[in-house]
Protein backbone atom coordinates (compact mmCIF):
# COMPACT_ATOMS: atom_id res chain seq x y z
CA UNK A 1 29.15 324.72 -167.19
CA UNK A 2 25.70 326.14 -166.41
CA UNK A 3 24.10 325.93 -163.09
CA UNK A 4 20.87 324.03 -162.59
CA UNK A 5 17.57 325.89 -161.66
CA UNK A 6 18.64 325.70 -158.06
CA UNK A 7 21.77 327.50 -158.68
CA UNK A 8 23.90 324.54 -157.79
CA UNK A 9 25.85 321.86 -159.63
CA UNK A 10 28.06 318.84 -158.98
CA UNK A 11 31.23 321.17 -158.93
CA UNK A 12 29.87 322.73 -155.68
CA UNK A 13 29.97 319.51 -153.88
CA UNK A 14 32.45 318.57 -151.29
CA UNK A 15 33.57 315.22 -150.93
CA UNK A 16 34.76 314.18 -147.36
CA UNK A 17 38.04 312.56 -147.33
CA UNK A 18 38.34 309.00 -146.32
CA UNK A 19 40.05 308.94 -142.88
CA UNK A 20 41.68 305.69 -143.68
CA UNK A 21 43.19 307.09 -146.60
CA UNK A 22 42.29 307.81 -150.30
CA UNK A 23 44.04 304.66 -151.69
CA UNK A 24 41.35 302.23 -152.72
CA UNK A 25 41.41 298.63 -150.83
CA UNK A 26 42.66 295.55 -152.63
CA UNK A 27 43.28 292.07 -152.00
CA UNK A 28 46.19 292.29 -154.29
CA UNK A 29 49.70 291.67 -152.36
CA UNK A 30 53.13 292.26 -153.85
CA UNK A 31 54.94 289.81 -155.61
CA UNK A 32 58.21 290.66 -153.57
CA UNK A 33 60.15 289.50 -156.47
CA UNK A 34 63.36 291.01 -154.71
CA UNK A 35 63.01 288.87 -151.61
CA UNK A 36 65.88 286.68 -150.47
CA UNK A 37 65.08 283.24 -149.35
CA UNK A 38 66.26 282.19 -145.67
CA UNK A 39 66.00 278.98 -143.94
CA UNK A 40 64.17 279.29 -140.58
CA UNK A 41 66.59 277.53 -138.11
CA UNK A 42 64.41 278.75 -134.80
CA UNK A 43 61.53 280.63 -133.66
CA UNK A 44 61.47 282.47 -130.51
CA UNK A 45 58.55 284.70 -129.12
CA UNK A 46 57.52 286.03 -132.79
CA UNK A 47 60.98 286.59 -133.91
CA UNK A 48 62.42 284.32 -136.68
CA UNK A 49 65.73 283.49 -137.23
CA UNK A 50 66.87 282.37 -140.60
CA UNK A 51 70.28 281.76 -142.56
CA UNK A 52 70.48 283.41 -145.63
CA UNK A 53 72.72 282.81 -148.84
CA UNK A 54 73.46 279.57 -146.95
CA UNK A 55 76.85 277.82 -147.86
CA UNK A 56 78.10 280.93 -149.60
CA UNK A 57 80.73 283.55 -148.41
CA UNK A 58 77.62 285.74 -147.93
CA UNK A 59 76.00 283.55 -145.46
CA UNK A 60 74.56 285.48 -142.64
CA UNK A 61 71.98 285.10 -139.97
CA UNK A 62 68.85 287.22 -140.26
CA UNK A 63 66.03 288.07 -137.64
CA UNK A 64 62.74 288.75 -139.00
CA UNK A 65 59.13 289.46 -137.98
CA UNK A 66 56.15 287.94 -139.58
CA UNK A 67 54.09 290.08 -142.28
CA UNK A 68 50.64 290.97 -140.96
CA UNK A 69 49.06 288.71 -143.89
CA UNK A 70 50.99 285.57 -142.52
CA UNK A 71 49.91 285.80 -139.20
CA UNK A 72 47.51 282.77 -139.32
CA UNK A 73 50.37 280.84 -141.22
CA UNK A 74 52.67 278.53 -139.01
CA UNK A 75 56.23 279.24 -139.78
CA UNK A 76 58.44 276.50 -138.11
CA UNK A 77 62.11 275.28 -138.08
CA UNK A 78 63.09 274.12 -141.36
CA UNK A 79 60.83 276.41 -143.44
CA UNK A 80 62.33 278.45 -146.46
CA UNK A 81 60.85 281.80 -146.40
CA UNK A 82 60.98 284.95 -148.38
CA UNK A 83 62.51 288.10 -146.61
CA UNK A 84 62.42 291.64 -147.37
CA UNK A 85 63.38 294.78 -145.73
CA UNK A 86 66.81 294.95 -144.09
CA UNK A 87 68.24 291.54 -144.60
CA UNK A 88 71.94 292.67 -143.78
CA UNK A 89 71.99 290.69 -140.64
CA UNK A 90 73.58 293.56 -138.98
CA UNK A 91 72.99 293.95 -135.11
CA UNK A 92 69.41 295.43 -134.12
CA UNK A 93 68.22 294.97 -137.57
CA UNK A 94 64.73 293.39 -138.23
CA UNK A 95 63.68 291.90 -141.87
CA UNK A 96 60.12 291.22 -142.67
CA UNK A 97 59.03 287.71 -143.44
CA UNK A 98 56.49 287.78 -146.26
CA UNK A 99 56.05 284.12 -147.68
CA UNK A 100 56.46 280.82 -146.83
CA UNK A 101 57.80 278.69 -149.74
CA UNK A 102 56.37 275.47 -150.90
CA UNK A 103 57.28 272.65 -148.38
CA UNK A 104 58.47 269.54 -149.47
CA UNK A 105 57.25 267.63 -146.37
CA UNK A 106 55.50 268.65 -143.15
CA UNK A 107 55.80 266.84 -139.96
CA UNK A 108 52.64 267.41 -137.75
CA UNK A 109 51.02 265.99 -134.59
CA UNK A 110 47.84 266.94 -132.33
CA UNK A 111 47.96 267.12 -128.58
CA UNK A 112 45.96 263.61 -128.44
CA UNK A 113 43.81 261.54 -130.70
CA UNK A 114 40.72 263.72 -130.06
CA UNK A 115 42.16 267.30 -130.73
CA UNK A 116 41.16 268.58 -134.33
CA UNK A 117 44.26 271.22 -133.97
CA UNK A 118 47.49 270.31 -135.97
CA UNK A 119 50.59 271.15 -134.42
CA UNK A 120 53.55 271.62 -136.94
CA UNK A 121 56.50 270.22 -135.72
CA UNK A 122 59.02 271.07 -138.68
CA UNK A 123 58.95 271.42 -142.27
CA UNK A 124 61.33 270.18 -145.15
CA UNK A 125 62.62 267.37 -143.23
CA UNK A 126 64.09 264.03 -145.03
CA UNK A 127 64.42 261.87 -142.16
CA UNK A 128 62.66 261.49 -138.52
CA UNK A 129 65.01 260.24 -136.05
CA UNK A 130 63.00 258.45 -133.15
CA UNK A 131 65.31 258.54 -130.09
CA UNK A 132 64.27 256.46 -127.45
CA UNK A 133 66.25 254.92 -124.37
CA UNK A 134 66.48 251.10 -123.61
CA UNK A 135 65.75 252.05 -119.99
CA UNK A 136 65.72 254.99 -117.71
CA UNK A 137 63.25 256.41 -118.99
CA UNK A 138 61.63 252.96 -120.13
CA UNK A 139 60.76 252.93 -123.83
CA UNK A 140 57.18 252.98 -125.01
CA UNK A 141 56.34 251.17 -128.20
CA UNK A 142 53.22 253.26 -128.31
CA UNK A 143 55.18 256.47 -128.81
CA UNK A 144 57.49 254.56 -131.33
CA UNK A 145 54.35 253.33 -133.55
CA UNK A 146 52.83 256.70 -133.45
CA UNK A 147 56.10 258.45 -134.56
CA UNK A 148 56.19 256.02 -137.45
CA UNK A 149 52.76 256.76 -138.38
CA UNK A 150 53.53 260.43 -138.48
CA UNK A 151 56.73 259.82 -140.32
CA UNK A 152 55.13 257.87 -143.20
CA UNK A 153 52.22 260.04 -143.38
CA UNK A 154 54.37 262.96 -144.08
CA UNK A 155 56.36 260.97 -146.53
CA UNK A 156 59.46 261.38 -144.07
CA UNK A 157 62.04 258.44 -143.81
CA UNK A 158 62.26 257.12 -140.14
CA UNK A 159 65.46 256.03 -138.37
CA UNK A 160 65.26 254.31 -134.89
CA UNK A 161 68.02 255.37 -132.36
CA UNK A 162 67.95 253.67 -128.90
CA UNK A 163 70.38 255.04 -126.50
CA UNK A 164 71.49 253.55 -122.94
CA UNK A 165 71.77 250.12 -124.28
CA UNK A 166 74.46 249.11 -121.58
CA UNK A 167 71.64 249.47 -119.10
CA UNK A 168 69.19 247.11 -120.75
CA UNK A 169 69.54 244.84 -123.66
CA UNK A 170 67.02 246.38 -126.47
CA UNK A 171 66.61 242.93 -128.16
CA UNK A 172 62.84 242.57 -127.22
CA UNK A 173 62.03 246.13 -128.12
CA UNK A 174 63.68 245.73 -131.44
CA UNK A 175 61.70 242.52 -131.96
CA UNK A 176 58.93 244.61 -132.69
CA UNK A 177 60.47 246.38 -135.71
CA UNK A 178 62.67 243.78 -137.28
CA UNK A 179 60.27 243.57 -140.13
CA UNK A 180 60.54 247.39 -141.00
CA UNK A 181 62.75 248.80 -143.52
CA UNK A 182 64.55 251.26 -141.54
CA UNK A 183 67.78 252.10 -140.10
CA UNK A 184 68.58 251.23 -136.44
CA UNK A 185 71.29 252.93 -134.53
CA UNK A 186 71.86 251.49 -130.86
CA UNK A 187 74.31 253.30 -128.52
CA UNK A 188 75.54 252.67 -124.92
CA UNK A 189 77.38 255.15 -122.39
CA UNK A 190 81.01 254.31 -122.54
CA UNK A 191 82.82 256.05 -119.62
CA UNK A 192 86.34 256.16 -121.40
CA UNK A 193 84.84 257.53 -124.62
CA UNK A 194 84.97 261.29 -124.79
CA UNK A 195 81.72 261.48 -126.51
CA UNK A 196 79.76 259.22 -124.17
CA UNK A 197 78.63 257.30 -127.07
CA UNK A 198 79.50 254.02 -128.33
CA UNK A 199 78.17 251.10 -130.34
CA UNK A 200 76.62 247.71 -129.74
CA UNK A 201 76.09 245.30 -132.44
CA UNK A 202 72.95 243.08 -132.92
CA UNK A 203 72.72 240.57 -135.67
CA UNK A 204 69.56 240.34 -137.66
CA UNK A 205 68.73 244.08 -137.48
CA UNK A 206 68.94 246.61 -140.49
CA UNK A 207 71.50 248.51 -138.53
CA UNK A 208 74.57 250.45 -139.52
CA UNK A 209 77.22 249.85 -136.95
CA UNK A 210 80.17 250.41 -138.63
CA UNK A 211 82.59 251.85 -135.99
CA UNK A 212 80.90 254.02 -133.22
CA UNK A 213 77.21 254.62 -133.14
CA UNK A 214 77.97 258.38 -133.63
CA UNK A 215 79.90 257.74 -136.81
CA UNK A 216 77.20 255.42 -137.95
CA UNK A 217 74.37 257.93 -137.35
CA UNK A 218 76.53 260.53 -138.69
CA UNK A 219 76.83 258.57 -141.85
CA UNK A 220 72.94 258.03 -142.05
CA UNK A 221 72.29 261.90 -141.51
CA UNK A 222 74.72 263.44 -143.67
CA UNK A 223 73.26 265.17 -146.82
CA UNK A 224 69.89 265.31 -145.29
CA UNK A 225 67.60 267.52 -143.26
CA UNK A 226 66.87 265.28 -140.04
CA UNK A 227 64.78 266.10 -137.06
CA UNK A 228 65.17 264.33 -133.95
CA UNK A 229 62.22 263.60 -131.78
CA UNK A 230 61.68 261.83 -128.54
CA UNK A 231 60.96 261.98 -124.79
CA UNK A 232 62.98 264.08 -122.33
CA UNK A 233 65.78 262.30 -120.62
CA UNK A 234 66.72 259.71 -123.43
CA UNK A 235 69.85 261.74 -124.64
CA UNK A 236 68.76 263.79 -127.69
CA UNK A 237 70.71 266.66 -126.68
CA UNK A 238 73.71 264.59 -126.10
CA UNK A 239 73.45 263.27 -129.43
CA UNK A 240 73.23 266.52 -131.13
CA UNK A 241 76.19 268.09 -129.21
CA UNK A 242 78.17 265.12 -130.57
CA UNK A 243 77.20 265.45 -134.06
CA UNK A 244 77.13 269.12 -134.43
CA UNK A 245 79.73 270.33 -131.96
CA UNK A 246 77.19 272.57 -130.34
CA UNK A 247 76.53 273.04 -126.55
CA UNK A 248 72.80 272.09 -126.02
CA UNK A 249 72.06 271.76 -122.50
CA UNK A 250 71.59 268.08 -121.12
CA UNK A 251 69.61 266.69 -118.44
CA UNK A 252 68.72 263.56 -116.45
CA UNK A 253 65.76 261.70 -115.47
CA UNK A 254 63.68 262.32 -112.52
CA UNK A 255 63.99 259.67 -109.76
CA UNK A 256 60.34 259.80 -108.64
CA UNK A 257 58.43 259.93 -111.72
CA UNK A 258 60.98 258.20 -114.07
CA UNK A 259 60.54 260.97 -116.75
CA UNK A 260 63.13 262.92 -118.28
CA UNK A 261 63.57 266.89 -117.73
CA UNK A 262 63.07 269.13 -120.37
CA UNK A 263 66.32 270.84 -121.38
CA UNK A 264 65.13 272.14 -125.03
CA UNK A 265 62.59 274.82 -125.16
CA UNK A 266 62.28 275.21 -128.81
CA UNK A 267 63.11 273.64 -132.00
CA UNK A 268 66.70 274.58 -133.23
CA UNK A 269 68.50 273.73 -136.76
CA UNK A 270 71.90 273.04 -136.39
CA UNK A 271 74.73 271.92 -139.18
CA UNK A 272 75.74 268.35 -138.93
CA UNK A 273 79.52 268.58 -138.65
CA UNK A 274 81.91 267.49 -141.35
CA UNK A 275 79.18 267.06 -143.96
CA UNK A 276 78.15 268.30 -147.32
CA UNK A 277 75.70 271.46 -147.56
CA UNK A 278 72.07 270.88 -147.00
CA UNK A 279 73.16 268.64 -143.64
CA UNK A 280 71.08 269.83 -140.89
CA UNK A 281 69.77 268.21 -137.62
CA UNK A 282 66.63 269.94 -135.95
CA UNK A 283 66.55 269.27 -132.38
CA UNK A 284 62.88 269.46 -130.77
CA UNK A 285 61.69 269.56 -127.27
CA UNK A 286 61.04 266.48 -125.25
CA UNK A 287 57.77 265.07 -126.95
CA UNK A 288 55.84 262.80 -124.92
CA UNK A 289 53.05 261.94 -127.09
CA UNK A 290 52.28 262.03 -130.85
CA UNK A 291 48.40 262.53 -131.26
CA UNK A 292 47.38 261.33 -134.63
CA UNK A 293 43.79 262.91 -134.81
CA UNK A 294 45.13 264.53 -138.33
CA UNK A 295 45.80 261.11 -139.69
CA UNK A 296 43.30 258.95 -141.87
CA UNK A 297 43.22 255.70 -140.28
CA UNK A 298 43.64 253.96 -143.50
CA UNK A 299 47.04 255.61 -143.57
CA UNK A 300 48.07 254.25 -140.05
CA UNK A 301 48.60 250.65 -141.68
CA UNK A 302 51.38 252.09 -143.75
CA UNK A 303 53.44 251.91 -140.49
CA UNK A 304 52.94 248.41 -139.88
CA UNK A 305 54.02 246.61 -143.23
CA UNK A 306 54.35 243.45 -141.35
CA UNK A 307 50.42 243.33 -141.00
CA UNK A 308 49.14 244.98 -143.78
CA UNK A 309 49.45 242.07 -146.24
CA UNK A 310 46.87 240.37 -143.87
CA UNK A 311 43.94 242.87 -144.72
CA UNK A 312 43.88 241.34 -148.10
CA UNK A 313 41.52 238.62 -146.73
CA UNK A 314 39.65 241.17 -144.48
CA UNK A 315 35.51 241.20 -145.07
CA UNK A 316 34.58 244.32 -147.15
CA UNK A 317 34.30 247.30 -144.89
CA UNK A 318 36.41 245.77 -142.16
CA UNK A 319 37.97 248.44 -139.88
CA UNK A 320 40.69 246.17 -138.33
CA UNK A 321 40.38 247.97 -135.07
CA UNK A 322 39.09 244.86 -133.05
CA UNK A 323 38.88 241.09 -132.90
CA UNK A 324 36.03 240.74 -135.17
CA UNK A 325 34.65 237.85 -137.62
CA UNK A 326 36.09 238.41 -141.11
CA UNK A 327 39.27 240.24 -140.11
CA UNK A 328 42.17 239.00 -141.98
CA UNK A 329 44.67 240.18 -139.36
CA UNK A 330 44.16 237.70 -136.77
CA UNK A 331 44.72 234.65 -139.17
CA UNK A 332 47.66 236.38 -140.57
CA UNK A 333 49.33 236.83 -137.16
CA UNK A 334 48.24 233.39 -135.95
CA UNK A 335 50.00 231.75 -139.07
CA UNK A 336 53.26 233.35 -137.93
CA UNK A 337 53.45 235.66 -140.95
CA UNK A 338 54.32 238.80 -138.77
CA UNK A 339 56.86 236.84 -136.64
CA UNK A 340 57.24 236.42 -133.05
CA UNK A 341 56.22 239.92 -132.16
CA UNK A 342 53.12 239.54 -134.31
CA UNK A 343 50.54 239.68 -131.62
CA UNK A 344 52.10 242.75 -129.94
CA UNK A 345 52.27 244.49 -133.08
CA UNK A 346 48.59 243.66 -133.79
CA UNK A 347 47.75 244.94 -130.23
CA UNK A 348 49.54 248.17 -130.93
CA UNK A 349 47.82 248.71 -134.28
CA UNK A 350 44.75 248.27 -133.16
CA UNK A 351 45.28 250.65 -130.20
CA UNK A 352 45.99 253.35 -132.68
CA UNK A 353 43.16 252.40 -134.93
CA UNK A 354 40.70 252.54 -131.84
CA UNK A 355 41.82 255.98 -131.10
CA UNK A 356 42.18 256.76 -134.64
CA UNK A 357 38.48 256.69 -134.84
CA UNK A 358 38.43 259.84 -132.22
CA UNK A 359 37.06 258.22 -129.22
CA UNK A 360 35.03 260.51 -126.86
CA UNK A 361 37.28 259.80 -124.01
CA UNK A 362 40.32 262.19 -124.00
CA UNK A 363 41.64 260.82 -121.08
CA UNK A 364 41.66 256.99 -122.23
CA UNK A 365 43.18 258.27 -125.67
CA UNK A 366 45.84 260.05 -123.86
CA UNK A 367 46.38 256.96 -121.56
CA UNK A 368 46.88 254.89 -124.84
CA UNK A 369 49.41 257.17 -126.18
CA UNK A 370 51.55 256.65 -123.17
CA UNK A 371 51.72 252.79 -123.24
């Protein structure tokens, strides 16, 4: 190679090495075709516990850390995830969670009706078991209605479970939901029963009460992934212990506030006893409110199938969220088409639709959720 007139050519130029390495940056990520799939059963301080090779002789529990590229992706109980690295499950080993598989369902909530931030509760659940007590603490139809909206929005089948029916007859509460096509399980404390759960029969309900309430609930849950939600103190952990044979801590109700004490600090998936493969119960920490900021107001009506037909006679553009000329819901309820509980159901719907328009006053929205 000949030199230029200055005596230098490109071979004399020194290239300064890249301090961050010589490999070019790329957005392409490894496919991780060799990854194993696990089911997340709990999350604790950045560590994800997954069951791998589920229902086989090689089944094991693996602890994993989330890959850097997933740091903005929520990973929750019920998620199916791809794991690489050390997936033996041996003590003091840590795998790497590199991918969240496509979710069938996703149960979400917001802190209140004005909070745009979604909280992912669980993934891939088939059923949402709404657990409330007939008394101590007092049940809130507002909470039940919100949970129903969240379930229908997620495509999850709801189940209503009422505990402590020996303290107070739940007939008035159940009248609000007699038009809904969902299973209803009613339990009462029975001192002579080792499980502390028994059944109470009420005619006219879509309830499965063959045998004890635990047996009825077990029949509804087997073969499904079910998530239990409800306020603290209603007996969720007691139900979970009876259904899974686990030993989740249980607690009572504060005598001053009338509210339950939190006994579960994180969501945990447990196997349903004496059930086919794929039968899981996900117990969640006590939830006192179900914000619906993420739900389109039009979808809220799906949780009120006893009222929805009345909207056929509404004026065009009717928002149904207040007593207004041209809203077909008022004559529908007045005509008795929604049953004796129609007025209360309509009031509940309008509370949700009113807060569903994302009111400016956060405190009032929260107050409505507590009713």
